[in-house]
Each structure stands twice: as C-alpha cells, then as structure tokens.
C-alpha atoms as a PDB file:
ATOM      1  CA  MET A   1      -5.785 -18.004  -9.560  1.00  0.00           C
ATOM      2  CA  LEU A   2      -4.651 -15.126  -7.693  1.00  0.00           C
ATOM      3  CA  GLU A   3      -1.062 -15.269  -5.698  1.00  0.00           C
ATOM      4  CA  VAL A   4       0.498 -12.906  -3.068  1.00  0.00           C
ATOM      5  CA  ARG A   5       3.751 -12.775  -2.128  1.00  0.00           C
ATOM      6  CA  TYR A   6       6.886 -10.823  -1.320  1.00  0.00           C
ATOM      7  CA  ALA A   7       8.612  -9.011  -3.692  1.00  0.00           C
ATOM      8  CA  GLU A   8      11.936  -9.958  -5.065  1.00  0.00           C
ATOM      9  CA  ILE A   9      14.652  -7.596  -6.704  1.00  0.00           C
ATOM     10  CA  GLU A  10      13.534  -9.634  -9.780  1.00  0.00           C
ATOM     11  CA  ASP A  11      10.203  -7.713  -9.892  1.00  0.00           C
ATOM     12  CA  LYS A  12      12.005  -4.319 -10.023  1.00  0.00           C
ATOM     13  CA  ASP A  13      11.304  -3.134 -13.909  1.00  0.00           C
ATOM     14  CA  PHE A  14       7.534  -4.632 -12.843  1.00  0.00           C
ATOM     15  CA  TRP A  15       7.579  -2.565  -9.695  1.00  0.00           C
ATOM     16  CA  TYR A  16       8.561   0.671 -11.280  1.00  0.00           C
ATOM     17  CA  ARG A  17       6.001   0.581 -14.094  1.00  0.00           C
ATOM     18  CA  LEU A  18       3.235   1.326 -11.445  1.00  0.00           C
ATOM     19  CA  ASP A  19       5.149   2.602  -8.575  1.00  0.00           C
ATOM     20  CA  LYS A  20       7.344   5.600  -9.652  1.00  0.00           C
ATOM     21  CA  HIS A  21       7.205   7.354  -6.228  1.00  0.00           C
ATOM     22  CA  LEU A  22      10.050   5.043  -4.515  1.00  0.00           C
ATOM     23  CA  PRO A  23      13.741   5.653  -5.065  1.00  0.00           C
ATOM     24  CA  GLU A  24      15.353   2.575  -5.615  1.00  0.00           C
ATOM     25  CA  PRO A  25      17.589   2.241  -2.735  1.00  0.00           C
ATOM     26  CA  GLU A  26      14.299   2.031  -0.420  1.00  0.00           C
ATOM     27  CA  PHE A  27      12.882  -0.812  -3.469  1.00  0.00           C
ATOM     28  CA  GLU A  28      16.230  -2.475  -2.219  1.00  0.00           C
ATOM     29  CA  LYS A  29      15.138  -2.245   1.304  1.00  0.00           C
ATOM     30  CA  LYS A  30      11.519  -3.134   0.833  1.00  0.00           C
ATOM     31  CA  VAL A  31      12.337  -5.883  -0.851  1.00  0.00           C
ATOM     32  CA  ARG A  32      14.980  -7.018   2.163  1.00  0.00           C
ATOM     33  CA  ASP A  33      12.992  -6.192   5.192  1.00  0.00           C
ATOM     34  CA  LYS A  34      10.288  -7.891   3.210  1.00  0.00           C
ATOM     35  CA  GLN A  35       7.879  -4.885   3.210  1.00  0.00           C
ATOM     36  CA  ALA A  36       6.435  -4.873  -0.416  1.00  0.00           C
ATOM     37  CA  TYR A  37       4.271  -7.652  -1.825  1.00  0.00           C
ATOM     38  CA  ILE A  38       3.651  -8.442  -5.475  1.00  0.00           C
ATOM     39  CA  LEU A  39      -0.543  -9.383  -6.648  1.00  0.00           C
ATOM     40  CA  ILE A  40       0.360 -12.297  -9.542  1.00  0.00           C
ATOM     41  CA  GLU A  41      -3.292 -13.519 -11.226  1.00  0.00           C
ATOM     42  CA  ASP A  42      -2.679 -16.852 -13.407  1.00  0.00           C
ATOM     43  CA  GLY A  43       1.326 -15.746 -14.003  1.00  0.00           C
ATOM     44  CA  VAL A  44       0.931 -12.103 -14.502  1.00  0.00           C
ATOM     45  CA  LYS A  45       2.021  -9.580 -12.398  1.00  0.00           C
ATOM     46  CA  VAL A  46      -1.262  -6.750 -11.822  1.00  0.00           C
ATOM     47  CA  GLY A  47      -0.765  -5.236  -8.318  1.00  0.00           C
ATOM     48  CA  LEU A  48       1.635  -4.260  -5.786  1.00  0.00           C
ATOM     49  CA  LEU A  49       1.512  -3.210  -1.902  1.00  0.00           C
ATOM     50  CA  ARG A  50       4.559  -2.119  -0.257  1.00  0.00           C
ATOM     51  CA  TYR A  51       4.470  -0.272   3.806  1.00  0.00           C
ATOM     52  CA  ASN A  52       6.725   1.262   6.468  1.00  0.00           C
ATOM     53  CA  LEU A  53       6.467   1.558   9.989  1.00  0.00           C
ATOM     54  CA  PHE A  54       4.762   4.714  11.444  1.00  0.00           C
ATOM     55  CA  TRP A  55       6.206   5.739  14.652  1.00  0.00           C
ATOM     56  CA  ASP A  56       8.459   2.698  13.985  1.00  0.00           C
ATOM     57  CA  ASN A  57       6.006   0.238  15.455  1.00  0.00           C
ATOM     58  CA  THR A  58       2.493   0.724  13.230  1.00  0.00           C
ATOM     59  CA  PRO A  59       2.392  -1.048   9.974  1.00  0.00           C
ATOM     60  CA  PHE A  60       1.785   2.358   7.406  1.00  0.00           C
ATOM     61  CA  CYS A  61       0.561   1.199   4.271  1.00  0.00           C
ATOM     62  CA  THR A  62       2.472   3.719   2.291  1.00  0.00           C
ATOM     63  CA  MET A  63       1.333   2.158  -1.764  1.00  0.00           C
ATOM     64  CA  LEU A  64      -1.340  -0.063  -3.087  1.00  0.00           C
ATOM     65  CA  PHE A  65      -1.914  -0.354  -7.120  1.00  0.00           C
ATOM     66  CA  VAL A  66      -3.454  -2.609  -9.097  1.00  0.00           C
ATOM     67  CA  ASP A  67      -2.786  -2.164 -12.667  1.00  0.00           C
ATOM     68  CA  TRP A  68      -5.083   0.524 -14.203  1.00  0.00           C
ATOM     69  CA  SER A  69      -6.622  -2.453 -16.904  1.00  0.00           C
ATOM     70  CA  LYS A  70      -7.350  -4.591 -13.683  1.00  0.00           C
ATOM     71  CA  GLN A  71      -9.028  -2.463 -11.099  1.00  0.00           C
ATOM     72  CA  LYS A  72     -12.184  -2.803  -9.507  1.00  0.00           C
ATOM     73  CA  ARG A  73     -11.949  -6.184  -9.915  1.00  0.00           C
ATOM     74  CA  GLY A  74     -11.362  -6.867  -5.753  1.00  0.00           C
ATOM     75  CA  TYR A  75      -7.928  -7.595  -6.391  1.00  0.00           C
ATOM     76  CA  GLY A  76      -6.676  -4.310  -4.362  1.00  0.00           C
ATOM     77  CA  ARG A  77      -9.186  -6.006  -1.091  1.00  0.00           C
ATOM     78  CA  GLU A  78      -7.174  -9.139  -1.633  1.00  0.00           C
ATOM     79  CA  LEU A  79      -3.529  -7.082  -1.228  1.00  0.00           C
ATOM     80  CA  MET A  80      -5.417  -5.530   1.531  1.00  0.00           C
ATOM     81  CA  LYS A  81      -6.412  -8.394   3.192  1.00  0.00           C
ATOM     82  CA  HIS A  82      -3.277 -10.119   2.746  1.00  0.00           C
ATOM     83  CA  TRP A  83      -1.009  -7.831   4.028  1.00  0.00           C
ATOM     84  CA  GLU A  84      -3.301  -7.556   7.122  1.00  0.00           C
ATOM     85  CA  LYS A  85      -2.897 -10.742   7.739  1.00  0.00           C
ATOM     86  CA  ASP A  86       0.777 -11.006   7.458  1.00  0.00           C
ATOM     87  CA  MET A  87       0.352  -7.709  10.011  1.00  0.00           C
ATOM     88  CA  LYS A  88      -1.711  -9.803  12.587  1.00  0.00           C
ATOM     89  CA  LYS A  89       0.344 -12.981  12.501  1.00  0.00           C
ATOM     90  CA  GLN A  90       3.196 -10.271  12.769  1.00  0.00           C
ATOM     91  CA  GLY A  91       2.292  -9.771  16.199  1.00  0.00           C
ATOM     92  CA  TYR A  92       0.438  -5.715  15.213  1.00  0.00           C
ATOM     93  CA  GLY A  93      -2.845  -4.875  16.451  1.00  0.00           C
ATOM     94  CA  MET A  94      -3.181  -1.404  14.201  1.00  0.00           C
ATOM     95  CA  LEU A  95      -2.861  -0.600  10.755  1.00  0.00           C
ATOM     96  CA  MET A  96      -2.582   2.708   8.995  1.00  0.00           C
ATOM     97  CA  THR A  97      -2.940   4.442   5.926  1.00  0.00           C
ATOM     98  CA  SER A  98      -3.486   7.881   4.064  1.00  0.00           C
ATOM     99  CA  THR A  99      -4.664   8.809   0.813  1.00  0.00           C
ATOM    100  CA  GLN A 100      -5.420  12.192  -0.765  1.00  0.00           C
ATOM    101  CA  VAL A 101      -8.949  13.711   0.195  1.00  0.00           C
ATOM    102  CA  ASP A 102      -9.402  14.517  -3.487  1.00  0.00           C
ATOM    103  CA  GLU A 103      -8.913  10.487  -4.450  1.00  0.00           C
ATOM    104  CA  ASP A 104     -11.747   7.535  -4.343  1.00  0.00           C
ATOM    105  CA  ALA A 105      -9.525   5.588  -2.674  1.00  0.00           C
ATOM    106  CA  GLN A 106     -10.594   6.607   0.612  1.00  0.00           C
ATOM    107  CA  HIS A 107     -14.100   5.456  -0.255  1.00  0.00           C
ATOM    108  CA  PHE A 108     -12.290   1.524  -0.485  1.00  0.00           C
ATOM    109  CA  TYR A 109     -10.715   2.017   3.025  1.00  0.00           C
ATOM    110  CA  ARG A 110     -13.778   2.955   4.607  1.00  0.00           C
ATOM    111  CA  LYS A 111     -15.308  -0.259   2.896  1.00  0.00           C
ATOM    112  CA  LEU A 112     -12.420  -2.597   4.365  1.00  0.00           C
ATOM    113  CA  GLY A 113     -13.040  -1.003   7.919  1.00  0.00           C
ATOM    114  CA  TYR A 114     -10.313   2.160   8.038  1.00  0.00           C
ATOM    115  CA  LYS A 115     -11.554   5.078   9.420  1.00  0.00           C
ATOM    116  CA  ASP A 116     -10.066   8.545   9.377  1.00  0.00           C
ATOM    117  CA  CYS A 117      -8.174   9.749  12.338  1.00  0.00           C
ATOM    118  CA  GLY A 118      -6.858  13.320  11.136  1.00  0.00           C
ATOM    119  CA  GLY A 119      -4.658  14.755   8.238  1.00  0.00           C
ATOM    120  CA  PHE A 120      -2.586  17.085   6.913  1.00  0.00           C
ATOM    121  CA  THR A 121      -1.988  20.146   4.212  1.00  0.00           C
ATOM    122  CA  VAL A 122       1.305  20.601   2.192  1.00  0.00           C
ATOM    123  CA  ASP A 123       1.766  24.286   1.092  1.00  0.00           C
ATOM    124  CA  ILE A 124       5.560  24.332   0.549  1.00  0.00           C
ATOM    125  CA  PRO A 125       6.427  25.652  -2.659  1.00  0.00           C
ATOM    126  CA  GLY A 126       7.194  22.411  -5.264  1.00  0.00           C
ATOM    127  CA  TYR A 127       5.189  20.298  -2.784  1.00  0.00           C
ATOM    128  CA  GLU A 128       1.613  21.323  -2.856  1.00  0.00           C
ATOM    129  CA  GLN A 129      -1.055  18.689  -2.552  1.00  0.00           C
ATOM    130  CA  PRO A 130      -4.165  18.421  -1.269  1.00  0.00           C
ATOM    131  CA  MET A 131      -5.126  17.503   2.306  1.00  0.00           C
ATOM    132  CA  GLU A 132      -3.858  14.042   3.016  1.00  0.00           C
ATOM    133  CA  LEU A 133      -6.746  11.995   5.231  1.00  0.00           C
ATOM    134  CA  PHE A 134      -4.911   9.382   7.686  1.00  0.00           C
ATOM    135  CA  MET A 135      -7.305   6.141   8.525  1.00  0.00           C
ATOM    136  CA  ASN A 136      -6.223   3.317  11.229  1.00  0.00           C
ATOM    137  CA  LYS A 137      -7.950  -0.008  11.552  1.00  0.00           C
ATOM    138  CA  GLY A 138      -7.802  -2.392  14.684  1.00  0.00           C
ATOM    139  CA  ILE A 139      -6.824  -5.633  13.564  1.00  0.00           C
END
C-alpha cells in the first residue's frame, strides 16, 4: 500500500539519505510550511518531494527522489500526482520544475504533461553545471 504524507521532523535521517542538497534549517522550514512530502510503501519510506514558491506565487518542485532500489515502479509519478492535487486544492493554477539537460528526468516530466519553458547555464567557477531546463504545467 502506498501513502504520501507531509514530511515531519522525525523523517530527517531518511530525508538526508536521499537529499544531500538541503541545508538543515531549510528542512525544518519545509516541515513547518508543509512544503515536503514522504512516500511510504507498506510502512517503509521510499521517496520524497520538496517544493518552494517561484516568484513567491508559483509552486516549483525543487527535488523529487525515489530510493535507487525502488525506481522505475511509478512511485515518482505518485508523488507528483499527489503534489499536483495538493497544489490545485490550495488554489494554484500553474506548476514548475526543472532538471539538468543531461538528466533523464526531463522525459519523465514531459510524460506527466510538463512543457519546456526555458533554461539557463551556470559557468561560475565552483558552481558549473549543464544547462538547467525549466518546465511548467497548467493544473
């Protein structure tokens, strides 16, 4: 059985096994503001999703990750569907996300109805990365 719920402080150890990018004070903020979700399969935590508000008014998925051993089973899709439904319930009409152009996630998001809407490159020493592709979707 699958369950998606808001992240709680007690999820911190699990969270940081999958998400190495989020500073601890931000994790606490995500929990407080209900901007983070945990996916649970038969009582075992297997995935997470976090978001913020782009332009302070548009939900932007900043991290979606399912444990490596559980990928390719539809769990990412379940997390996204839950998030989309929650955002619609809260009154939002558009969602955004992004991924690097050298990652396969862009194909996953397109299958869910997200469309390419721009991108940027970072060439600042120490922060270099491939182009970041932005995607959006009306809900």
